[in-house]
C-alpha atoms as a PDB file:
ATOM      1  CA  MET A   1       0.000   0.000   0.000  1.00  0.00           C
ATOM      2  CA  SER A   2       1.222   3.510  -0.602  1.00  0.00           C
ATOM      3  CA  SER A   3       2.096   5.732   2.323  1.00  0.00           C
ATOM      4  CA  GLY A   4      -0.939   7.589   3.560  1.00  0.00           C
ATOM      5  CA  SER A   5      -3.446   4.882   2.525  1.00  0.00           C
ATOM      6  CA  SER A   6      -5.379   2.807   5.015  1.00  0.00           C
ATOM      7  CA  GLN A   7      -3.914  -0.597   5.773  1.00  0.00           C
ATOM      8  CA  GLY A   8      -5.389  -3.662   7.414  1.00  0.00           C
ATOM      9  CA  ILE A   9      -3.122  -4.609  10.319  1.00  0.00           C
ATOM     10  CA  LEU A  10      -3.202  -7.683  12.569  1.00  0.00           C
ATOM     11  CA  ILE A  11      -1.501  -7.281  15.960  1.00  0.00           C
ATOM     12  CA  SER A  12      -0.788 -10.008  18.495  1.00  0.00           C
ATOM     13  CA  GLY A  13      -0.359  -9.032  22.133  1.00  0.00           C
ATOM     14  CA  ALA A  14      -2.479  -5.938  21.588  1.00  0.00           C
ATOM     15  CA  ALA A  15      -3.550  -5.760  25.237  1.00  0.00           C
ATOM     16  CA  GLY A  16       0.021  -5.236  26.458  1.00  0.00           C
ATOM     17  CA  GLY A  17       1.594  -1.870  27.096  1.00  0.00           C
ATOM     18  CA  LEU A  18       3.249  -1.595  23.696  1.00  0.00           C
ATOM     19  CA  GLY A  19       0.315  -3.346  22.039  1.00  0.00           C
ATOM     20  CA  GLN A  20      -2.142  -0.726  23.255  1.00  0.00           C
ATOM     21  CA  ALA A  21       0.171   2.060  22.080  1.00  0.00           C
ATOM     22  CA  LEU A  22       0.336   0.415  18.654  1.00  0.00           C
ATOM     23  CA  VAL A  23      -3.440   0.109  18.447  1.00  0.00           C
ATOM     24  CA  ALA A  24      -3.925   3.763  19.376  1.00  0.00           C
ATOM     25  CA  GLU A  25      -1.250   5.018  16.961  1.00  0.00           C
ATOM     26  CA  LEU A  26      -2.307   2.940  13.976  1.00  0.00           C
ATOM     27  CA  ALA A  27      -6.028   3.477  14.453  1.00  0.00           C
ATOM     28  CA  GLY A  28      -5.357   7.196  14.890  1.00  0.00           C
ATOM     29  CA  ALA A  29      -3.543   7.181  11.549  1.00  0.00           C
ATOM     30  CA  GLY A  30      -6.665   5.803   9.883  1.00  0.00           C
ATOM     31  CA  HIS A  31      -5.650   2.155   9.594  1.00  0.00           C
ATOM     32  CA  ARG A  32      -7.966  -0.778  10.249  1.00  0.00           C
ATOM     33  CA  VAL A  33      -6.703  -2.844  13.157  1.00  0.00           C
ATOM     34  CA  LEU A  34      -7.514  -6.358  14.260  1.00  0.00           C
ATOM     35  CA  ALA A  35      -6.256  -6.276  17.839  1.00  0.00           C
ATOM     36  CA  GLY A  36      -5.441  -9.723  19.140  1.00  0.00           C
ATOM     37  CA  TRP A  37      -5.640 -10.289  22.887  1.00  0.00           C
ATOM     38  CA  HIS A  38      -5.211 -13.420  24.991  1.00  0.00           C
ATOM     39  CA  GLN A  39      -5.563 -13.235  28.781  1.00  0.00           C
ATOM     40  CA  THR A  40      -6.396  -9.536  29.206  1.00  0.00           C
ATOM     41  CA  PRO A  41      -9.401  -8.171  27.287  1.00  0.00           C
ATOM     42  CA  LEU A  42      -8.800  -4.921  25.460  1.00  0.00           C
ATOM     43  CA  PRO A  43     -10.290  -1.647  26.662  1.00  0.00           C
ATOM     44  CA  ALA A  44     -13.189  -0.125  24.742  1.00  0.00           C
ATOM     45  CA  ALA A  45     -12.413  -0.349  21.035  1.00  0.00           C
ATOM     46  CA  LEU A  46     -11.370   2.731  19.093  1.00  0.00           C
ATOM     47  CA  PRO A  47     -12.914   3.527  15.699  1.00  0.00           C
ATOM     48  CA  GLY A  48     -11.451   1.184  13.117  1.00  0.00           C
ATOM     49  CA  VAL A  49     -10.369  -1.345  15.752  1.00  0.00           C
ATOM     50  CA  GLU A  50     -11.841  -4.797  16.242  1.00  0.00           C
ATOM     51  CA  ALA A  51     -10.696  -6.950  19.150  1.00  0.00           C
ATOM     52  CA  VAL A  52     -10.198 -10.653  18.546  1.00  0.00           C
ATOM     53  CA  ALA A  53      -9.172 -13.472  20.897  1.00  0.00           C
ATOM     54  CA  LEU A  54      -5.738 -14.589  19.704  1.00  0.00           C
ATOM     55  CA  ASP A  55      -3.635 -17.234  21.432  1.00  0.00           C
ATOM     56  CA  VAL A  56      -0.341 -17.487  19.567  1.00  0.00           C
ATOM     57  CA  THR A  57       0.388 -20.818  21.247  1.00  0.00           C
ATOM     58  CA  CYS A  58      -2.511 -22.319  19.264  1.00  0.00           C
ATOM     59  CA  ASP A  59      -2.384 -22.981  15.503  1.00  0.00           C
ATOM     60  CA  ASP A  60      -6.168 -22.833  15.169  1.00  0.00           C
ATOM     61  CA  SER A  61      -6.350 -19.454  16.935  1.00  0.00           C
ATOM     62  CA  CYS A  62      -3.723 -17.947  14.621  1.00  0.00           C
ATOM     63  CA  ALA A  63      -5.469 -19.361  11.560  1.00  0.00           C
ATOM     64  CA  ALA A  64      -8.831 -18.025  12.757  1.00  0.00           C
ATOM     65  CA  ALA A  65      -7.437 -14.512  13.276  1.00  0.00           C
ATOM     66  CA  ALA A  66      -5.920 -14.527   9.787  1.00  0.00           C
ATOM     67  CA  ALA A  67      -9.202 -15.762   8.307  1.00  0.00           C
ATOM     68  CA  LEU A  68     -11.132 -13.034  10.120  1.00  0.00           C
ATOM     69  CA  ALA A  69      -8.770 -10.368   8.788  1.00  0.00           C
ATOM     70  CA  LEU A  70      -9.269 -11.652   5.253  1.00  0.00           C
ATOM     71  CA  ALA A  71     -13.021 -11.729   5.736  1.00  0.00           C
ATOM     72  CA  ARG A  72     -13.008  -8.110   6.941  1.00  0.00           C
ATOM     73  CA  TRP A  73     -10.533  -6.590   4.490  1.00  0.00           C
ATOM     74  CA  GLY A  74      -9.886  -9.056   1.678  1.00  0.00           C
ATOM     75  CA  ARG A  75      -6.143  -8.843   2.407  1.00  0.00           C
ATOM     76  CA  ILE A  76      -3.691  -8.347   5.254  1.00  0.00           C
ATOM     77  CA  ASP A  77      -1.288  -5.464   4.758  1.00  0.00           C
ATOM     78  CA  ALA A  78       0.748  -5.918   7.927  1.00  0.00           C
ATOM     79  CA  VAL A  79       1.251  -8.259  10.862  1.00  0.00           C
ATOM     80  CA  ILE A  80       2.896  -7.148  14.108  1.00  0.00           C
ATOM     81  CA  HIS A  81       3.907  -9.868  16.560  1.00  0.00           C
ATOM     82  CA  ALA A  82       3.907  -7.945  19.838  1.00  0.00           C
ATOM     83  CA  ALA A  83       2.903 -10.874  22.055  1.00  0.00           C
ATOM     84  CA  GLY A  84       5.666 -11.742  24.467  1.00  0.00           C
ATOM     85  CA  ILE A  85       6.266 -12.898  28.023  1.00  0.00           C
ATOM     86  CA  THR A  86       9.157 -13.189  30.433  1.00  0.00           C
ATOM     87  CA  CYS A  87       9.794 -15.026  33.675  1.00  0.00           C
ATOM     88  CA  ASP A  88      13.051 -13.703  35.040  1.00  0.00           C
ATOM     89  CA  SER A  89      15.295 -16.036  36.988  1.00  0.00           C
ATOM     90  CA  LEU A  90      18.944 -16.896  37.361  1.00  0.00           C
ATOM     91  CA  LEU A  91      19.856 -20.176  35.676  1.00  0.00           C
ATOM     92  CA  ALA A  92      20.319 -21.966  39.011  1.00  0.00           C
ATOM     93  CA  ARG A  93      16.722 -21.153  39.990  1.00  0.00           C
ATOM     94  CA  ALA A  94      15.048 -21.438  36.603  1.00  0.00           C
ATOM     95  CA  GLN A  95      12.240 -23.925  36.160  1.00  0.00           C
ATOM     96  CA  PRO A  96      11.943 -25.961  32.932  1.00  0.00           C
ATOM     97  CA  GLU A  97       8.290 -25.020  32.581  1.00  0.00           C
ATOM     98  CA  ASP A  98       9.217 -21.321  32.550  1.00  0.00           C
ATOM     99  CA  TRP A  99      11.600 -21.888  29.624  1.00  0.00           C
ATOM    100  CA  ASP A 100       8.883 -23.796  27.761  1.00  0.00           C
ATOM    101  CA  ALA A 101       6.278 -21.099  28.384  1.00  0.00           C
ATOM    102  CA  ILE A 102       8.531 -18.275  27.194  1.00  0.00           C
ATOM    103  CA  PHE A 103       9.516 -20.083  24.000  1.00  0.00           C
ATOM    104  CA  ALA A 104       5.891 -21.092  23.367  1.00  0.00           C
ATOM    105  CA  VAL A 105       4.897 -17.414  23.060  1.00  0.00           C
ATOM    106  CA  ASN A 106       8.026 -15.549  21.970  1.00  0.00           C
ATOM    107  CA  VAL A 107       9.355 -18.034  19.410  1.00  0.00           C
ATOM    108  CA  ASP A 108       6.805 -20.738  18.617  1.00  0.00           C
ATOM    109  CA  GLY A 109       4.074 -18.085  18.748  1.00  0.00           C
ATOM    110  CA  ALA A 110       5.860 -16.061  16.088  1.00  0.00           C
ATOM    111  CA  LEU A 111       6.230 -19.215  14.004  1.00  0.00           C
ATOM    112  CA  ARG A 112       2.533 -20.080  14.288  1.00  0.00           C
ATOM    113  CA  LEU A 113       1.439 -16.572  13.382  1.00  0.00           C
ATOM    114  CA  ALA A 114       3.886 -16.500  10.480  1.00  0.00           C
ATOM    115  CA  ARG A 115       2.607 -19.809   9.110  1.00  0.00           C
ATOM    116  CA  ALA A 116      -0.928 -18.422   9.208  1.00  0.00           C
ATOM    117  CA  THR A 117      -0.103 -15.086   7.564  1.00  0.00           C
ATOM    118  CA  LEU A 118       3.156 -15.009   5.578  1.00  0.00           C
ATOM    119  CA  PRO A 119       1.810 -17.166   2.729  1.00  0.00           C
ATOM    120  CA  LEU A 120      -1.162 -14.801   2.480  1.00  0.00           C
ATOM    121  CA  LEU A 121       1.077 -11.736   2.276  1.00  0.00           C
ATOM    122  CA  ALA A 122       3.235 -13.462  -0.332  1.00  0.00           C
ATOM    123  CA  GLY A 123       0.218 -14.505  -2.380  1.00  0.00           C
ATOM    124  CA  GLN A 124      -1.224 -11.002  -2.509  1.00  0.00           C
ATOM    125  CA  GLY A 125       2.053  -9.457  -3.681  1.00  0.00           C
ATOM    126  CA  GLY A 126       3.567  -8.114  -0.485  1.00  0.00           C
ATOM    127  CA  GLY A 127       3.102  -6.594   2.930  1.00  0.00           C
ATOM    128  CA  HIS A 128       4.886  -6.045   6.218  1.00  0.00           C
ATOM    129  CA  TRP A 129       5.671  -8.492   9.019  1.00  0.00           C
ATOM    130  CA  ILE A 130       7.228  -6.974  12.148  1.00  0.00           C
ATOM    131  CA  GLY A 131       8.501  -8.809  15.205  1.00  0.00           C
ATOM    132  CA  ILE A 132       9.129  -7.145  18.550  1.00  0.00           C
ATOM    133  CA  GLY A 133      12.574  -8.197  19.720  1.00  0.00           C
ATOM    134  CA  SER A 134      14.775  -7.159  22.616  1.00  0.00           C
ATOM    135  CA  HIS A 135      18.231  -5.806  23.379  1.00  0.00           C
ATOM    136  CA  ALA A 136      18.603  -8.907  25.561  1.00  0.00           C
ATOM    137  CA  GLY A 137      18.499 -11.068  22.451  1.00  0.00           C
ATOM    138  CA  GLN A 138      21.681  -9.422  21.192  1.00  0.00           C
ATOM    139  CA  ALA A 139      23.579  -8.678  24.390  1.00  0.00           C
ATOM    140  CA  GLY A 140      22.264 -11.280  26.837  1.00  0.00           C
ATOM    141  CA  SER A 141      20.862 -10.398  30.236  1.00  0.00           C
ATOM    142  CA  ALA A 142      21.748 -11.881  33.619  1.00  0.00           C
ATOM    143  CA  GLY A 143      18.637 -13.348  35.186  1.00  0.00           C
ATOM    144  CA  GLN A 144      16.830 -13.460  31.827  1.00  0.00           C
ATOM    145  CA  VAL A 145      18.369 -16.527  30.242  1.00  0.00           C
ATOM    146  CA  ALA A 146      15.169 -17.888  28.686  1.00  0.00           C
ATOM    147  CA  TYR A 147      13.904 -14.471  27.612  1.00  0.00           C
ATOM    148  CA  ALA A 148      17.227 -13.480  26.036  1.00  0.00           C
ATOM    149  CA  ALA A 149      17.494 -16.819  24.246  1.00  0.00           C
ATOM    150  CA  SER A 150      13.950 -16.526  22.934  1.00  0.00           C
ATOM    151  CA  LYS A 151      14.570 -13.056  21.542  1.00  0.00           C
ATOM    152  CA  ALA A 152      17.828 -14.190  19.934  1.00  0.00           C
ATOM    153  CA  ALA A 153      15.879 -17.012  18.313  1.00  0.00           C
ATOM    154  CA  LEU A 154      13.256 -14.531  17.122  1.00  0.00           C
ATOM    155  CA  ASN A 155      15.988 -12.467  15.449  1.00  0.00           C
ATOM    156  CA  GLY A 156      17.113 -15.569  13.581  1.00  0.00           C
ATOM    157  CA  LEU A 157      13.583 -16.354  12.460  1.00  0.00           C
ATOM    158  CA  MET A 158      12.947 -12.834  11.225  1.00  0.00           C
ATOM    159  CA  LEU A 159      16.200 -12.543   9.276  1.00  0.00           C
ATOM    160  CA  SER A 160      15.635 -15.947   7.666  1.00  0.00           C
ATOM    161  CA  TRP A 161      12.051 -15.123   6.708  1.00  0.00           C
ATOM    162  CA  ALA A 162      13.204 -11.815   5.242  1.00  0.00           C
ATOM    163  CA  ARG A 163      15.440 -13.782   2.870  1.00  0.00           C
ATOM    164  CA  GLU A 164      12.766 -16.374   2.083  1.00  0.00           C
ATOM    165  CA  PHE A 165       9.978 -13.906   1.295  1.00  0.00           C
ATOM    166  CA  ALA A 166      11.898 -11.051  -0.334  1.00  0.00           C
ATOM    167  CA  ALA A 167      11.011 -12.322  -3.798  1.00  0.00           C
ATOM    168  CA  HIS A 168       7.338 -11.926  -2.850  1.00  0.00           C
ATOM    169  CA  ASN A 169       7.778  -8.273  -1.735  1.00  0.00           C
ATOM    170  CA  VAL A 170       7.117  -9.110   1.927  1.00  0.00           C
ATOM    171  CA  ARG A 171       9.164  -6.752   4.087  1.00  0.00           C
ATOM    172  CA  ILE A 172      10.157  -8.402   7.366  1.00  0.00           C
ATOM    173  CA  ASN A 173      11.858  -6.443  10.134  1.00  0.00           C
ATOM    174  CA  THR A 174      12.559  -6.630  13.852  1.00  0.00           C
ATOM    175  CA  VAL A 175      12.107  -3.724  16.259  1.00  0.00           C
ATOM    176  CA  LEU A 176      13.911  -3.598  19.599  1.00  0.00           C
ATOM    177  CA  PRO A 177      11.796  -1.122  21.580  1.00  0.00           C
ATOM    178  CA  GLY A 178      14.086  -0.852  24.577  1.00  0.00           C
ATOM    179  CA  VAL A 179      12.913  -0.858  28.185  1.00  0.00           C
ATOM    180  CA  LEU A 180       9.393   0.533  28.417  1.00  0.00           C
ATOM    181  CA  PRO A 181       7.181   1.557  31.363  1.00  0.00           C
ATOM    182  CA  THR A 182       4.646  -1.234  30.798  1.00  0.00           C
ATOM    183  CA  PRO A 183       3.083  -4.009  32.897  1.00  0.00           C
ATOM    184  CA  MET A 184       6.035  -6.240  31.940  1.00  0.00           C
ATOM    185  CA  THR A 185       8.430  -3.952  33.833  1.00  0.00           C
ATOM    186  CA  GLU A 186       6.212  -2.478  36.556  1.00  0.00           C
ATOM    187  CA  SER A 187       7.221  -5.161  39.071  1.00  0.00           C
ATOM    188  CA  LEU A 188      10.935  -4.429  38.677  1.00  0.00           C
ATOM    189  CA  ASN A 189      12.817  -2.820  41.534  1.00  0.00           C
ATOM    190  CA  PRO A 190      13.133   0.950  40.980  1.00  0.00           C
ATOM    191  CA  GLU A 191      16.900   0.591  41.238  1.00  0.00           C
ATOM    192  CA  VAL A 192      16.832  -1.866  38.336  1.00  0.00           C
ATOM    193  CA  MET A 193      14.825   0.590  36.246  1.00  0.00           C
ATOM    194  CA  ARG A 194      17.348   3.327  37.097  1.00  0.00           C
ATOM    195  CA  SER A 195      20.163   1.065  35.944  1.00  0.00           C
ATOM    196  CA  TYR A 196      18.364   0.510  32.638  1.00  0.00           C
ATOM    197  CA  ALA A 197      17.995   4.266  32.219  1.00  0.00           C
ATOM    198  CA  GLN A 198      21.659   4.834  33.016  1.00  0.00           C
ATOM    199  CA  ALA A 199      22.646   2.325  30.320  1.00  0.00           C
ATOM    200  CA  ASN A 200      21.085   4.672  27.770  1.00  0.00           C
ATOM    201  CA  LEU A 201      23.118   7.590  26.448  1.00  0.00           C
ATOM    202  CA  LEU A 202      20.199   9.923  27.088  1.00  0.00           C
ATOM    203  CA  GLY A 203      19.700   8.645  30.625  1.00  0.00           C
ATOM    204  CA  ARG A 204      16.089   7.600  30.249  1.00  0.00           C
ATOM    205  CA  ILE A 205      13.977   4.613  29.227  1.00  0.00           C
ATOM    206  CA  ASN A 206      11.892   4.610  26.083  1.00  0.00           C
ATOM    207  CA  ASP A 207       8.265   5.610  25.469  1.00  0.00           C
ATOM    208  CA  PRO A 208       5.688   3.139  24.026  1.00  0.00           C
ATOM    209  CA  ALA A 209       4.048   5.918  22.010  1.00  0.00           C
ATOM    210  CA  GLU A 210       7.366   6.768  20.342  1.00  0.00           C
ATOM    211  CA  VAL A 211       7.975   3.130  19.472  1.00  0.00           C
ATOM    212  CA  ALA A 212       4.479   2.930  18.001  1.00  0.00           C
ATOM    213  CA  ARG A 213       5.124   6.033  15.887  1.00  0.00           C
ATOM    214  CA  PHE A 214       8.300   4.468  14.514  1.00  0.00           C
ATOM    215  CA  ILE A 215       6.472   1.274  13.598  1.00  0.00           C
ATOM    216  CA  GLY A 216       3.725   3.332  11.988  1.00  0.00           C
ATOM    217  CA  PHE A 217       6.372   4.984   9.833  1.00  0.00           C
ATOM    218  CA  LEU A 218       7.972   1.641   8.977  1.00  0.00           C
ATOM    219  CA  LEU A 219       4.631   0.477   7.606  1.00  0.00           C
ATOM    220  CA  THR A 220       4.735   3.307   5.042  1.00  0.00           C
ATOM    221  CA  THR A 221       8.079   2.176   3.591  1.00  0.00           C
ATOM    222  CA  HIS A 222       8.628  -0.016   0.541  1.00  0.00           C
ATOM    223  CA  ASN A 223      12.354  -0.794   0.426  1.00  0.00           C
ATOM    224  CA  ILE A 224      13.320  -1.858   3.961  1.00  0.00           C
ATOM    225  CA  SER A 225      13.552  -5.514   4.946  1.00  0.00           C
ATOM    226  CA  GLY A 226      15.784  -7.810   6.971  1.00  0.00           C
ATOM    227  CA  GLN A 227      16.703  -5.067   9.443  1.00  0.00           C
ATOM    228  CA  VAL A 228      16.899  -4.902  13.229  1.00  0.00           C
ATOM    229  CA  PHE A 229      15.988  -1.464  14.595  1.00  0.00           C
ATOM    230  CA  ALA A 230      17.128  -0.552  18.117  1.00  0.00           C
ATOM    231  CA  LEU A 231      14.956   2.322  19.330  1.00  0.00           C
ATOM    232  CA  ASP A 232      16.580   3.324  22.603  1.00  0.00           C
ATOM    233  CA  SER A 233      19.979   4.966  22.991  1.00  0.00           C
ATOM    234  CA  ARG A 234      22.046   1.943  23.966  1.00  0.00           C
ATOM    235  CA  ILE A 235      24.878   1.501  21.483  1.00  0.00           C
ATOM    236  CA  HIS A 236      25.136  -1.982  20.033  1.00  0.00           C
ATOM    237  CA  ARG A 237      28.397  -3.521  18.896  1.00  0.00           C
ATOM    238  CA  TRP A 238      28.984  -3.584  15.148  1.00  0.00           C
ATOM    239  CA  ALA A 239      29.822  -7.271  15.190  1.00  0.00           C
END
């Protein structure tokens, strides 16, 4: 779709902090949004937004959400995989079920949603597929072994899919939003949040609304794929 035109966008994890910011930004820009939620129902829907139950750990749920989007719009212009969980623990205290749960959403969930949607985007001649990654997936994070590993795996999936679907004009990118003031981080010790802020050159954590604006811009582009965008001011190594 050309920049400025209305797109049909499917979002997983739309009830989360970043998910709600994405819904508000994209609906405010005039796009049609199918907002997928799992355990937490969405607030009152905005104009152009339809909430749908979406469990990315279930193949049938992902297929049903894709089918609903097609029924509503006749195509899917963009998919944003914002669903994600963490269960922080040092390796010595980590439970196997926590590892399984994190990978079921962050990695296998992306795979299920991709299987339900990427062939559709390819068949219609293109579209966007965006995964929400993490700095931890590139740099590691003490006490977040499973989460960091899952986000590293997501990076690998996204870069591989970008190569596989480039011939079909599907633009696939990863966004690292940085630490955000969302329900995922609200239980962290204030000293931990201060340390995250101090790791940023600008001395502050990121803003969900700013991340959503960046993603909104990315959806207007035509020539960007296979990229990993870090949106806070931590400097990543070149190699």
